[in-house]
């Protein structure tokens, strides 16, 4: 499995990552959502370079022309709710992609920090033979991503998988390598070394869903 870490080379992603992490900028939810969207757009462009293309004959006002277009059938899937602005960035570029949505949330047990991840909602087209882009801003342990993927597999088997996250932990990268097919590519804006007792990435950026949409009760 190939892992592509945007933090290994400076780019505009570096600036947007800085603002996403900065507590002095995080108090602006609109900017937080916009930066998730921007990183999604940049990742979408980079992923597009790995897809299959075909010749397409078109007619310009001055004559015929052979152009190139994506030959893959792309399905863009996200885990609600934090994934929605990130998803929109990808959709801005893959504007003809089919879309899938999965709800995954933590159900904490009565005592301690332990929790189960529950899947309650799935809306997806058929995935057989298609290219699946599974996008979610935070990849802390990898278990939510795996459960979302297993739920999506009830709709068929994709031919290629691209997992895209803004921040991943080192632990989750190892988990994805161990639990996803070989034809998976992992794209991340940065990889942090620590996951705390609450299963949050450290230094990370906090709760992406709360920062984008407000604190939940």
Protein backbone atom coordinates (compact mmCIF):
# COMPACT_ATOMS: atom_id res chain seq x y z
CA UNK A 1 0.00 0.00 0.00
CA UNK A 2 1.30 3.44 -0.93
CA UNK A 3 1.11 6.24 1.68
CA UNK A 4 1.32 9.81 0.39
CA UNK A 5 2.05 12.37 3.12
CA UNK A 6 1.64 15.99 1.99
CA UNK A 7 3.71 17.19 4.98
CA UNK A 8 6.82 15.77 3.34
CA UNK A 9 6.78 18.64 0.82
CA UNK A 10 5.84 22.27 1.41
CA UNK A 11 2.78 23.49 -0.46
CA UNK A 12 -0.41 25.45 0.15
CA UNK A 13 -1.56 22.48 2.21
CA UNK A 14 1.03 23.51 4.82
CA UNK A 15 -0.68 26.88 5.25
CA UNK A 16 -4.18 25.43 5.49
CA UNK A 17 -2.99 22.77 7.95
CA UNK A 18 -1.47 25.47 10.15
CA UNK A 19 -4.77 27.36 10.27
CA UNK A 20 -6.78 24.19 10.97
CA UNK A 21 -4.58 23.40 13.98
CA UNK A 22 -4.26 26.95 15.38
CA UNK A 23 -6.64 27.60 18.33
CA UNK A 24 -6.56 31.31 17.45
CA UNK A 25 -8.00 30.58 14.00
CA UNK A 26 -10.31 27.74 14.99
CA UNK A 27 -12.82 30.16 16.53
CA UNK A 28 -13.97 30.94 12.98
CA UNK A 29 -16.05 27.89 11.92
CA UNK A 30 -16.52 29.23 8.39
CA UNK A 31 -12.76 29.43 7.86
CA UNK A 32 -12.31 25.99 9.40
CA UNK A 33 -14.80 24.49 6.96
CA UNK A 34 -13.24 26.42 4.07
CA UNK A 35 -9.78 25.06 4.87
CA UNK A 36 -11.08 21.48 5.00
CA UNK A 37 -12.67 22.11 1.62
CA UNK A 38 -9.46 23.59 0.19
CA UNK A 39 -7.36 20.62 1.28
CA UNK A 40 -10.01 18.36 -0.23
CA UNK A 41 -9.67 20.18 -3.55
CA UNK A 42 -5.87 19.86 -3.56
CA UNK A 43 -6.02 16.16 -2.68
CA UNK A 44 -8.66 15.61 -5.36
CA UNK A 45 -6.30 17.05 -7.98
CA UNK A 46 -3.44 14.81 -6.82
CA UNK A 47 -5.67 11.72 -6.76
CA UNK A 48 -6.87 12.57 -10.28
CA UNK A 49 -3.33 12.09 -11.55
CA UNK A 50 -3.50 8.41 -10.54
CA UNK A 51 -6.71 7.58 -12.40
CA UNK A 52 -7.19 6.03 -15.83
CA UNK A 53 -7.94 8.28 -18.81
CA UNK A 54 -9.29 7.84 -22.32
CA UNK A 55 -9.38 9.82 -25.58
CA UNK A 56 -12.61 11.70 -26.28
CA UNK A 57 -13.35 13.30 -29.65
CA UNK A 58 -15.14 16.64 -29.39
CA UNK A 59 -16.01 19.50 -31.71
CA UNK A 60 -14.68 23.01 -31.07
CA UNK A 61 -16.01 26.08 -32.93
CA UNK A 62 -13.04 25.74 -35.31
CA UNK A 63 -12.76 22.02 -35.80
CA UNK A 64 -12.50 18.55 -34.25
CA UNK A 65 -10.24 17.92 -31.25
CA UNK A 66 -9.21 14.85 -29.28
CA UNK A 67 -9.20 15.46 -25.51
CA UNK A 68 -8.55 13.33 -22.47
CA UNK A 69 -11.17 12.45 -19.86
CA UNK A 70 -11.34 10.25 -16.77
CA UNK A 71 -12.18 6.66 -17.67
CA UNK A 72 -12.77 5.49 -14.06
CA UNK A 73 -16.22 5.52 -12.51
CA UNK A 74 -15.56 7.45 -9.30
CA UNK A 75 -17.60 7.10 -6.11
CA UNK A 76 -16.89 9.72 -3.47
CA UNK A 77 -17.76 8.51 0.05
CA UNK A 78 -17.54 10.30 3.38
CA UNK A 79 -18.22 9.71 7.05
CA UNK A 80 -20.64 12.23 8.52
CA UNK A 81 -20.52 14.84 10.02
CA UNK A 82 -16.94 16.11 10.06
CA UNK A 83 -16.35 14.74 6.58
CA UNK A 84 -18.93 16.93 4.86
CA UNK A 85 -16.80 20.06 4.11
CA UNK A 86 -13.83 17.84 3.21
CA UNK A 87 -16.12 15.85 0.90
CA UNK A 88 -17.28 19.07 -0.75
CA UNK A 89 -13.72 19.94 -1.70
CA UNK A 90 -13.39 16.63 -3.56
CA UNK A 91 -16.81 17.07 -5.12
CA UNK A 92 -15.84 20.52 -6.42
CA UNK A 93 -13.28 18.76 -8.61
CA UNK A 94 -14.88 15.34 -9.15
CA UNK A 95 -18.16 17.04 -10.00
CA UNK A 96 -19.51 14.04 -11.90
CA UNK A 97 -18.72 11.49 -9.22
CA UNK A 98 -21.37 9.37 -7.59
CA UNK A 99 -21.65 9.96 -3.84
CA UNK A 100 -21.96 7.80 -0.74
CA UNK A 101 -22.52 8.73 2.90
CA UNK A 102 -21.94 6.73 6.07
CA UNK A 103 -22.75 7.73 9.64
CA UNK A 104 -20.28 6.48 12.24
CA UNK A 105 -20.24 7.69 15.81
CA UNK A 106 -18.70 6.85 19.15
CA UNK A 107 -21.04 5.36 21.75
CA UNK A 108 -19.22 5.70 25.07
CA UNK A 109 -19.66 3.09 27.74
CA UNK A 110 -20.90 4.04 31.20
CA UNK A 111 -17.47 4.09 32.83
CA UNK A 112 -14.12 5.14 31.45
CA UNK A 113 -13.06 6.35 28.04
CA UNK A 114 -13.87 3.15 26.14
CA UNK A 115 -16.44 3.27 23.36
CA UNK A 116 -17.88 1.34 20.45
CA UNK A 117 -18.09 2.78 16.94
CA UNK A 118 -21.59 2.35 15.54
CA UNK A 119 -22.72 2.57 11.91
CA UNK A 120 -26.35 3.70 11.65
CA UNK A 121 -26.84 5.06 8.12
CA UNK A 122 -25.57 4.17 4.67
CA UNK A 123 -26.51 5.66 1.30
CA UNK A 124 -24.39 4.46 -1.59
CA UNK A 125 -24.55 3.48 -5.27
CA UNK A 126 -23.20 0.13 -6.43
CA UNK A 127 -19.41 -0.03 -6.14
CA UNK A 128 -18.54 -3.00 -8.34
CA UNK A 129 -15.56 -2.22 -10.58
CA UNK A 130 -15.50 1.46 -9.56
CA UNK A 131 -12.87 3.67 -7.93
CA UNK A 132 -13.77 4.47 -4.31
CA UNK A 133 -12.54 7.66 -2.65
CA UNK A 134 -13.24 7.32 1.08
CA UNK A 135 -12.61 10.69 2.72
CA UNK A 136 -12.66 11.72 6.39
CA UNK A 137 -10.62 14.53 8.02
CA UNK A 138 -9.36 12.59 11.05
CA UNK A 139 -7.87 9.10 11.00
CA UNK A 140 -7.17 8.41 14.68
CA UNK A 141 -7.27 4.63 15.14
CA UNK A 142 -8.51 3.50 11.73
CA UNK A 143 -11.38 1.46 13.17
CA UNK A 144 -14.13 3.88 12.08
CA UNK A 145 -12.68 3.94 8.57
CA UNK A 146 -12.60 0.15 8.46
CA UNK A 147 -16.22 -0.13 9.66
CA UNK A 148 -17.34 2.44 7.08
CA UNK A 149 -15.49 0.50 4.38
CA UNK A 150 -17.10 -2.79 5.44
CA UNK A 151 -20.52 -1.13 5.32
CA UNK A 152 -19.78 0.13 1.82
CA UNK A 153 -18.74 -3.37 0.71
CA UNK A 154 -22.39 -4.40 1.01
CA UNK A 155 -22.78 -2.36 -2.21
CA UNK A 156 -20.07 -4.25 -4.10
CA UNK A 157 -16.29 -4.44 -4.48
CA UNK A 158 -14.41 -1.43 -5.89
CA UNK A 159 -11.47 -1.94 -8.23
CA UNK A 160 -9.34 0.70 -6.46
CA UNK A 161 -9.53 2.49 -3.12
CA UNK A 162 -8.17 5.89 -2.11
CA UNK A 163 -8.42 6.79 1.59
CA UNK A 164 -7.98 10.53 2.16
CA UNK A 165 -7.53 12.22 5.55
CA UNK A 166 -6.30 15.59 6.74
CA UNK A 167 -4.51 14.25 9.82
CA UNK A 168 -3.69 10.63 10.62
CA UNK A 169 -1.95 9.06 13.57
CA UNK A 170 1.01 6.74 13.09
CA UNK A 171 -1.12 4.02 14.72
CA UNK A 172 -3.94 4.46 12.21
CA UNK A 173 -1.57 4.33 9.24
CA UNK A 174 -0.30 0.96 10.45
CA UNK A 175 -3.90 -0.18 11.03
CA UNK A 176 -5.01 0.77 7.53
CA UNK A 177 -2.01 -1.02 6.03
CA UNK A 178 -2.98 -4.17 7.91
CA UNK A 179 -6.75 -4.11 7.30
CA UNK A 180 -7.30 -2.69 3.80
CA UNK A 181 -6.63 -4.35 0.43
CA UNK A 182 -3.30 -3.97 -1.31
CA UNK A 183 -4.91 -1.84 -4.06
CA UNK A 184 -5.48 0.96 -1.51
CA UNK A 185 -3.66 4.31 -1.53
CA UNK A 186 -3.61 6.41 1.65
CA UNK A 187 -3.41 10.20 1.28
CA UNK A 188 -2.80 12.35 4.38
CA UNK A 189 -2.06 16.01 5.05
CA UNK A 190 0.09 15.09 8.05
CA UNK A 191 0.92 12.13 10.30
CA UNK A 192 1.09 12.71 14.07
CA UNK A 193 2.75 10.24 16.43
CA UNK A 194 0.36 10.10 19.40
CA UNK A 195 -3.23 9.07 20.18
CA UNK A 196 -4.40 9.90 23.71
CA UNK A 197 -6.67 7.96 26.09
CA UNK A 198 -9.76 9.50 24.44
CA UNK A 199 -8.57 8.28 21.01
CA UNK A 200 -7.84 11.82 19.82
CA UNK A 201 -4.79 12.54 17.71
CA UNK A 202 -2.09 14.60 19.48
CA UNK A 203 -1.28 17.35 18.64
CA UNK A 204 -3.99 16.91 16.00
CA UNK A 205 -6.52 19.73 15.94
CA UNK A 206 -9.31 18.70 18.30
CA UNK A 207 -12.81 17.56 17.31
CA UNK A 208 -13.20 18.41 13.62
CA UNK A 209 -16.99 17.99 13.70
CA UNK A 210 -17.43 20.38 16.63
CA UNK A 211 -15.06 22.93 15.10
CA UNK A 212 -16.90 22.82 11.78
CA UNK A 213 -20.51 22.73 13.02
CA UNK A 214 -20.60 23.50 16.75
CA UNK A 215 -20.42 21.45 19.93
CA UNK A 216 -22.91 18.59 20.11
CA UNK A 217 -24.93 17.82 23.23
